[in-house]
Amino acid sequence: MEKEQLLILFGNKIKQERLKRNLSQEDFAELTGFHRTYIGMVERAERNVTLLNVEKFANALQIEVHELLNFTQIK
């Protein structure tokens, strides 16, 4: 899998999970401690996040890290 493809899949997964919970980017940013623009950049595959940040995203979404990295059900 190419690096860019992985970033796109991850960004789409973040957005899908965020929207499932009816969270705006701003609301999600508050839950994670990140700035809203950073959330948007992740969702647009413009940022390559660290594993520590993946854990913060998962915690904010109240799911396990492995669920956040499962790309099989992305719409």
PDB file of N, CA and C in Angstrom:
ATOM      1  N   MET A   1       0.850  -1.171   0.000  1.00  0.00           N
ATOM      2  CA  MET A   1       0.000   0.000   0.000  1.00  0.00           C
ATOM      3  C   MET A   1       0.898   1.237   0.000  1.00  0.00           C
ATOM      4  N   GLU A   2       0.570   2.169  -0.837  1.00  0.00           N
ATOM      5  CA  GLU A   2       1.341   3.396  -0.910  1.00  0.00           C
ATOM      6  C   GLU A   2       1.049   4.283   0.298  1.00  0.00           C
ATOM      7  N   LYS A   3       2.032   5.069   0.661  1.00  0.00           N
ATOM      8  CA  LYS A   3       1.904   5.960   1.816  1.00  0.00           C
ATOM      9  C   LYS A   3       0.674   6.862   1.678  1.00  0.00           C
ATOM     10  N   GLU A   4       0.514   7.465   0.508  1.00  0.00           N
ATOM     11  CA  GLU A   4      -0.604   8.382   0.312  1.00  0.00           C
ATOM     12  C   GLU A   4      -1.947   7.672   0.447  1.00  0.00           C
ATOM     13  N   GLN A   5      -2.013   6.452  -0.049  1.00  0.00           N
ATOM     14  CA  GLN A   5      -3.261   5.682   0.052  1.00  0.00           C
ATOM     15  C   GLN A   5      -3.604   5.394   1.506  1.00  0.00           C
ATOM     16  N   LEU A   6      -2.606   5.073   2.301  1.00  0.00           N
ATOM     17  CA  LEU A   6      -2.829   4.805   3.714  1.00  0.00           C
ATOM     18  C   LEU A   6      -3.330   6.061   4.427  1.00  0.00           C
ATOM     19  N   LEU A   7      -2.755   7.209   4.103  1.00  0.00           N
ATOM     20  CA  LEU A   7      -3.197   8.464   4.720  1.00  0.00           C
ATOM     21  C   LEU A   7      -4.637   8.781   4.336  1.00  0.00           C
ATOM     22  N   ILE A   8      -4.992   8.502   3.098  1.00  0.00           N
ATOM     23  CA  ILE A   8      -6.371   8.737   2.639  1.00  0.00           C
ATOM     24  C   ILE A   8      -7.337   7.820   3.386  1.00  0.00           C
ATOM     25  N   LEU A   9      -6.983   6.542   3.504  1.00  0.00           N
ATOM     26  CA  LEU A   9      -7.845   5.599   4.223  1.00  0.00           C
ATOM     27  C   LEU A   9      -8.020   6.013   5.678  1.00  0.00           C
ATOM     28  N   PHE A  10      -6.921   6.418   6.314  1.00  0.00           N
ATOM     29  CA  PHE A  10      -7.001   6.822   7.716  1.00  0.00           C
ATOM     30  C   PHE A  10      -7.841   8.088   7.866  1.00  0.00           C
ATOM     31  N   GLY A  11      -7.619   9.055   7.007  1.00  0.00           N
ATOM     32  CA  GLY A  11      -8.402  10.293   7.060  1.00  0.00           C
ATOM     33  C   GLY A  11      -9.885  10.040   6.874  1.00  0.00           C
ATOM     34  N   ASN A  12     -10.207   9.165   5.928  1.00  0.00           N
ATOM     35  CA  ASN A  12     -11.618   8.816   5.697  1.00  0.00           C
ATOM     36  C   ASN A  12     -12.217   8.115   6.910  1.00  0.00           C
ATOM     37  N   LYS A  13     -11.424   7.263   7.548  1.00  0.00           N
ATOM     38  CA  LYS A  13     -11.910   6.541   8.738  1.00  0.00           C
ATOM     39  C   LYS A  13     -12.184   7.515   9.878  1.00  0.00           C
ATOM     40  N   ILE A  14     -11.272   8.449  10.096  1.00  0.00           N
ATOM     41  CA  ILE A  14     -11.479   9.458  11.144  1.00  0.00           C
ATOM     42  C   ILE A  14     -12.768  10.224  10.879  1.00  0.00           C
ATOM     43  N   LYS A  15     -12.935  10.674   9.653  1.00  0.00           N
ATOM     44  CA  LYS A  15     -14.131  11.456   9.302  1.00  0.00           C
ATOM     45  C   LYS A  15     -15.400  10.620   9.485  1.00  0.00           C
ATOM     46  N   GLN A  16     -15.363   9.373   9.017  1.00  0.00           N
ATOM     47  CA  GLN A  16     -16.531   8.492   9.146  1.00  0.00           C
ATOM     48  C   GLN A  16     -16.916   8.305  10.608  1.00  0.00           C
ATOM     49  N   GLU A  17     -15.942   8.006  11.445  1.00  0.00           N
ATOM     50  CA  GLU A  17     -16.220   7.782  12.868  1.00  0.00           C
ATOM     51  C   GLU A  17     -16.686   9.069  13.549  1.00  0.00           C
ATOM     52  N   ARG A  18     -16.097  10.192  13.175  1.00  0.00           N
ATOM     53  CA  ARG A  18     -16.495  11.483  13.741  1.00  0.00           C
ATOM     54  C   ARG A  18     -17.949  11.796  13.379  1.00  0.00           C
ATOM     55  N   LEU A  19     -18.288  11.605  12.111  1.00  0.00           N
ATOM     56  CA  LEU A  19     -19.646  11.902  11.659  1.00  0.00           C
ATOM     57  C   LEU A  19     -20.672  10.947  12.258  1.00  0.00           C
ATOM     58  N   LYS A  20     -20.279   9.682  12.474  1.00  0.00           N
ATOM     59  CA  LYS A  20     -21.171   8.709  13.126  1.00  0.00           C
ATOM     60  C   LYS A  20     -21.615   9.210  14.497  1.00  0.00           C
ATOM     61  N   ARG A  21     -20.747   9.979  15.123  1.00  0.00           N
ATOM     62  CA  ARG A  21     -21.019  10.495  16.465  1.00  0.00           C
ATOM     63  C   ARG A  21     -21.550  11.925  16.440  1.00  0.00           C
ATOM     64  N   ASN A  22     -21.892  12.392  15.244  1.00  0.00           N
ATOM     65  CA  ASN A  22     -22.420  13.749  15.053  1.00  0.00           C
ATOM     66  C   ASN A  22     -21.505  14.818  15.640  1.00  0.00           C
ATOM     67  N   LEU A  23     -20.212  14.652  15.453  1.00  0.00           N
ATOM     68  CA  LEU A  23     -19.246  15.618  15.952  1.00  0.00           C
ATOM     69  C   LEU A  23     -18.755  16.495  14.807  1.00  0.00           C
ATOM     70  N   SER A  24     -18.713  17.782  15.034  1.00  0.00           N
ATOM     71  CA  SER A  24     -18.075  18.677  14.075  1.00  0.00           C
ATOM     72  C   SER A  24     -16.567  18.527  14.227  1.00  0.00           C
ATOM     73  N   GLN A  25     -15.824  19.060  13.279  1.00  0.00           N
ATOM     74  CA  GLN A  25     -14.368  19.038  13.424  1.00  0.00           C
ATOM     75  C   GLN A  25     -13.953  19.806  14.672  1.00  0.00           C
ATOM     76  N   GLU A  26     -14.651  20.885  14.952  1.00  0.00           N
ATOM     77  CA  GLU A  26     -14.335  21.687  16.140  1.00  0.00           C
ATOM     78  C   GLU A  26     -14.606  20.901  17.423  1.00  0.00           C
ATOM     79  N   ASP A  27     -15.742  20.218  17.485  1.00  0.00           N
ATOM     80  CA  ASP A  27     -16.060  19.395  18.662  1.00  0.00           C
ATOM     81  C   ASP A  27     -15.024  18.292  18.849  1.00  0.00           C
ATOM     82  N   PHE A  28     -14.670  17.652  17.741  1.00  0.00           N
ATOM     83  CA  PHE A  28     -13.693  16.567  17.802  1.00  0.00           C
ATOM     84  C   PHE A  28     -12.327  17.104  18.223  1.00  0.00           C
ATOM     85  N   ALA A  29     -11.987  18.274  17.734  1.00  0.00           N
ATOM     86  CA  ALA A  29     -10.715  18.892  18.109  1.00  0.00           C
ATOM     87  C   ALA A  29     -10.656  19.123  19.618  1.00  0.00           C
ATOM     88  N   GLU A  30     -11.750  19.578  20.191  1.00  0.00           N
ATOM     89  CA  GLU A  30     -11.791  19.800  21.639  1.00  0.00           C
ATOM     90  C   GLU A  30     -11.588  18.492  22.397  1.00  0.00           C
ATOM     91  N   LEU A  31     -12.193  17.413  21.906  1.00  0.00           N
ATOM     92  CA  LEU A  31     -12.055  16.117  22.575  1.00  0.00           C
ATOM     93  C   LEU A  31     -10.632  15.573  22.501  1.00  0.00           C
ATOM     94  N   THR A  32      -9.946  15.862  21.399  1.00  0.00           N
ATOM     95  CA  THR A  32      -8.602  15.316  21.202  1.00  0.00           C
ATOM     96  C   THR A  32      -7.508  16.225  21.743  1.00  0.00           C
ATOM     97  N   GLY A  33      -7.810  17.510  21.889  1.00  0.00           N
ATOM     98  CA  GLY A  33      -6.788  18.466  22.294  1.00  0.00           C
ATOM     99  C   GLY A  33      -6.021  19.046  21.117  1.00  0.00           C
ATOM    100  N   PHE A  34      -6.448  18.734  19.903  1.00  0.00           N
ATOM    101  CA  PHE A  34      -5.809  19.266  18.699  1.00  0.00           C
ATOM    102  C   PHE A  34      -6.592  20.471  18.192  1.00  0.00           C
ATOM    103  N   HIS A  35      -5.987  21.210  17.284  1.00  0.00           N
ATOM    104  CA  HIS A  35      -6.662  22.345  16.651  1.00  0.00           C
ATOM    105  C   HIS A  35      -7.570  21.812  15.540  1.00  0.00           C
ATOM    106  N   ARG A  36      -8.647  22.515  15.283  1.00  0.00           N
ATOM    107  CA  ARG A  36      -9.595  22.113  14.245  1.00  0.00           C
ATOM    108  C   ARG A  36      -8.919  21.972  12.884  1.00  0.00           C
ATOM    109  N   THR A  37      -7.974  22.850  12.573  1.00  0.00           N
ATOM    110  CA  THR A  37      -7.316  22.762  11.271  1.00  0.00           C
ATOM    111  C   THR A  37      -6.491  21.487  11.146  1.00  0.00           C
ATOM    112  N   TYR A  38      -5.937  21.018  12.253  1.00  0.00           N
ATOM    113  CA  TYR A  38      -5.175  19.764  12.233  1.00  0.00           C
ATOM    114  C   TYR A  38      -6.105  18.595  11.920  1.00  0.00           C
ATOM    115  N   ILE A  39      -7.288  18.595  12.518  1.00  0.00           N
ATOM    116  CA  ILE A  39      -8.274  17.536  12.251  1.00  0.00           C
ATOM    117  C   ILE A  39      -8.607  17.525  10.756  1.00  0.00           C
ATOM    118  N   GLY A  40      -8.851  18.697  10.192  1.00  0.00           N
ATOM    119  CA  GLY A  40      -9.155  18.788   8.768  1.00  0.00           C
ATOM    120  C   GLY A  40      -8.013  18.284   7.905  1.00  0.00           C
ATOM    121  N   MET A  41      -6.791  18.605   8.291  1.00  0.00           N
ATOM    122  CA  MET A  41      -5.631  18.158   7.525  1.00  0.00           C
ATOM    123  C   MET A  41      -5.479  16.634   7.588  1.00  0.00           C
ATOM    124  N   VAL A  42      -5.775  16.054   8.733  1.00  0.00           N
ATOM    125  CA  VAL A  42      -5.730  14.589   8.862  1.00  0.00           C
ATOM    126  C   VAL A  42      -6.798  13.975   7.967  1.00  0.00           C
ATOM    127  N   GLU A  43      -8.001  14.512   8.010  1.00  0.00           N
ATOM    128  CA  GLU A  43      -9.102  13.966   7.206  1.00  0.00           C
ATOM    129  C   GLU A  43      -8.843  14.111   5.709  1.00  0.00           C
ATOM    130  N   ARG A  44      -8.101  15.129   5.315  1.00  0.00           N
ATOM    131  CA  ARG A  44      -7.772  15.332   3.899  1.00  0.00           C
ATOM    132  C   ARG A  44      -6.461  14.652   3.504  1.00  0.00           C
ATOM    133  N   ALA A  45      -5.905  13.849   4.400  1.00  0.00           N
ATOM    134  CA  ALA A  45      -4.662  13.101   4.156  1.00  0.00           C
ATOM    135  C   ALA A  45      -3.471  14.020   3.915  1.00  0.00           C
ATOM    136  N   GLU A  46      -3.481  15.171   4.562  1.00  0.00           N
ATOM    137  CA  GLU A  46      -2.376  16.119   4.432  1.00  0.00           C
ATOM    138  C   GLU A  46      -1.377  16.004   5.574  1.00  0.00           C
ATOM    139  N   ARG A  47      -1.703  15.203   6.591  1.00  0.00           N
ATOM    140  CA  ARG A  47      -0.815  15.004   7.743  1.00  0.00           C
ATOM    141  C   ARG A  47      -0.616  13.526   7.984  1.00  0.00           C
ATOM    142  N   ASN A  48       0.598  13.174   8.341  1.00  0.00           N
ATOM    143  CA  ASN A  48       0.940  11.805   8.708  1.00  0.00           C
ATOM    144  C   ASN A  48       1.044  11.783  10.234  1.00  0.00           C
ATOM    145  N   VAL A  49       0.042  11.240  10.886  1.00  0.00           N
ATOM    146  CA  VAL A  49      -0.034  11.305  12.348  1.00  0.00           C
ATOM    147  C   VAL A  49       0.857  10.255  13.002  1.00  0.00           C
ATOM    148  N   THR A  50       1.233  10.519  14.242  1.00  0.00           N
ATOM    149  CA  THR A  50       2.027   9.560  15.011  1.00  0.00           C
ATOM    150  C   THR A  50       1.104   8.536  15.668  1.00  0.00           C
ATOM    151  N   LEU A  51       1.683   7.454  16.134  1.00  0.00           N
ATOM    152  CA  LEU A  51       0.892   6.449  16.844  1.00  0.00           C
ATOM    153  C   LEU A  51       0.271   7.022  18.113  1.00  0.00           C
ATOM    154  N   LEU A  52       0.966   7.917  18.761  1.00  0.00           N
ATOM    155  CA  LEU A  52       0.409   8.541  19.962  1.00  0.00           C
ATOM    156  C   LEU A  52      -0.843   9.347  19.618  1.00  0.00           C
ATOM    157  N   ASN A  53      -0.833  10.006  18.467  1.00  0.00           N
ATOM    158  CA  ASN A  53      -2.015  10.760  18.051  1.00  0.00           C
ATOM    159  C   ASN A  53      -3.147   9.833  17.635  1.00  0.00           C
ATOM    160  N   VAL A  54      -2.808   8.701  17.030  1.00  0.00           N
ATOM    161  CA  VAL A  54      -3.830   7.706  16.685  1.00  0.00           C
ATOM    162  C   VAL A  54      -4.542   7.264  17.960  1.00  0.00           C
ATOM    163  N   GLU A  55      -3.780   7.061  19.015  1.00  0.00           N
ATOM    164  CA  GLU A  55      -4.381   6.673  20.289  1.00  0.00           C
ATOM    165  C   GLU A  55      -5.297   7.774  20.826  1.00  0.00           C
ATOM    166  N   LYS A  56      -4.895   9.029  20.698  1.00  0.00           N
ATOM    167  CA  LYS A  56      -5.743  10.145  21.142  1.00  0.00           C
ATOM    168  C   LYS A  56      -7.047  10.185  20.353  1.00  0.00           C
ATOM    169  N   PHE A  57      -6.961   9.955  19.040  1.00  0.00           N
ATOM    170  CA  PHE A  57      -8.170   9.922  18.217  1.00  0.00           C
ATOM    171  C   PHE A  57      -9.083   8.789  18.671  1.00  0.00           C
ATOM    172  N   ALA A  58      -8.522   7.616  18.871  1.00  0.00           N
ATOM    173  CA  ALA A  58      -9.314   6.458  19.292  1.00  0.00           C
ATOM    174  C   ALA A  58      -9.977   6.715  20.640  1.00  0.00           C
ATOM    175  N   ASN A  59      -9.233   7.275  21.569  1.00  0.00           N
ATOM    176  CA  ASN A  59      -9.800   7.575  22.887  1.00  0.00           C
ATOM    177  C   ASN A  59     -10.949   8.566  22.779  1.00  0.00           C
ATOM    178  N   ALA A  60     -10.785   9.588  21.971  1.00  0.00           N
ATOM    179  CA  ALA A  60     -11.837  10.597  21.807  1.00  0.00           C
ATOM    180  C   ALA A  60     -13.090   9.990  21.177  1.00  0.00           C
ATOM    181  N   LEU A  61     -12.890   9.012  20.302  1.00  0.00           N
ATOM    182  CA  LEU A  61     -14.016   8.345  19.642  1.00  0.00           C
ATOM    183  C   LEU A  61     -14.553   7.180  20.465  1.00  0.00           C
ATOM    184  N   GLN A  62     -13.890   6.880  21.572  1.00  0.00           N
ATOM    185  CA  GLN A  62     -14.260   5.786  22.468  1.00  0.00           C
ATOM    186  C   GLN A  62     -14.263   4.440  21.754  1.00  0.00           C
ATOM    187  N   ILE A  63     -13.191   4.230  20.972  1.00  0.00           N
ATOM    188  CA  ILE A  63     -12.991   2.939  20.319  1.00  0.00           C
ATOM    189  C   ILE A  63     -11.539   2.523  20.532  1.00  0.00           C
ATOM    190  N   GLU A  64     -11.253   1.257  20.239  1.00  0.00           N
ATOM    191  CA  GLU A  64      -9.895   0.738  20.348  1.00  0.00           C
ATOM    192  C   GLU A  64      -9.071   1.182  19.143  1.00  0.00           C
ATOM    193  N   VAL A  65      -7.778   1.293  19.327  1.00  0.00           N
ATOM    194  CA  VAL A  65      -6.888   1.710  18.245  1.00  0.00           C
ATOM    195  C   VAL A  65      -7.042   0.792  17.032  1.00  0.00           C
ATOM    196  N   HIS A  66      -7.109  -0.507  17.264  1.00  0.00           N
ATOM    197  CA  HIS A  66      -7.216  -1.438  16.134  1.00  0.00           C
ATOM    198  C   HIS A  66      -8.493  -1.214  15.331  1.00  0.00           C
ATOM    199  N   GLU A  67      -9.564  -0.756  15.979  1.00  0.00           N
ATOM    200  CA  GLU A  67     -10.795  -0.450  15.251  1.00  0.00           C
ATOM    201  C   GLU A  67     -10.599   0.753  14.341  1.00  0.00           C
ATOM    202  N   LEU A  68      -9.826   1.709  14.803  1.00  0.00           N
ATOM    203  CA  LEU A  68      -9.564   2.914  14.024  1.00  0.00           C
ATOM    204  C   LEU A  68      -8.688   2.603  12.811  1.00  0.00           C
ATOM    205  N   LEU A  69      -7.899   1.545  12.917  1.00  0.00           N
ATOM    206  CA  LEU A  69      -7.006   1.166  11.823  1.00  0.00           C
ATOM    207  C   LEU A  69      -7.599   0.081  10.922  1.00  0.00           C
ATOM    208  N   ASN A  70      -8.851  -0.282  11.166  1.00  0.00           N
ATOM    209  CA  ASN A  70      -9.543  -1.253  10.322  1.00  0.00           C
ATOM    210  C   ASN A  70     -10.261  -0.482   9.214  1.00  0.00           C
ATOM    211  N   PHE A  71      -9.749  -0.612   8.000  1.00  0.00           N
ATOM    212  CA  PHE A  71     -10.277   0.169   6.871  1.00  0.00           C
ATOM    213  C   PHE A  71     -11.252  -0.617   6.004  1.00  0.00           C
ATOM    214  N   THR A  72     -11.715  -1.769   6.446  1.00  0.00           N
ATOM    215  CA  THR A  72     -12.553  -2.610   5.601  1.00  0.00           C
ATOM    216  C   THR A  72     -13.970  -2.089   5.449  1.00  0.00           C
ATOM    217  N   GLN A  73     -14.432  -1.226   6.355  1.00  0.00           N
ATOM    218  CA  GLN A  73     -15.818  -0.772   6.290  1.00  0.00           C
ATOM    219  C   GLN A  73     -15.940   0.719   6.002  1.00  0.00           C
ATOM    220  N   ILE A  74     -14.965   1.275   5.325  1.00  0.00           N
ATOM    221  CA  ILE A  74     -15.021   2.700   4.981  1.00  0.00           C
ATOM    222  C   ILE A  74     -15.904   2.872   3.774  1.00  0.00           C
ATOM    223  N   LYS A  75     -16.802   3.832   3.872  1.00  0.00           N
ATOM    224  CA  LYS A  75     -17.723   4.107   2.758  1.00  0.00           C
ATOM    225  C   LYS A  75     -17.105   5.067   1.788  1.00  0.00           C
TER     226      LYS A  75
END
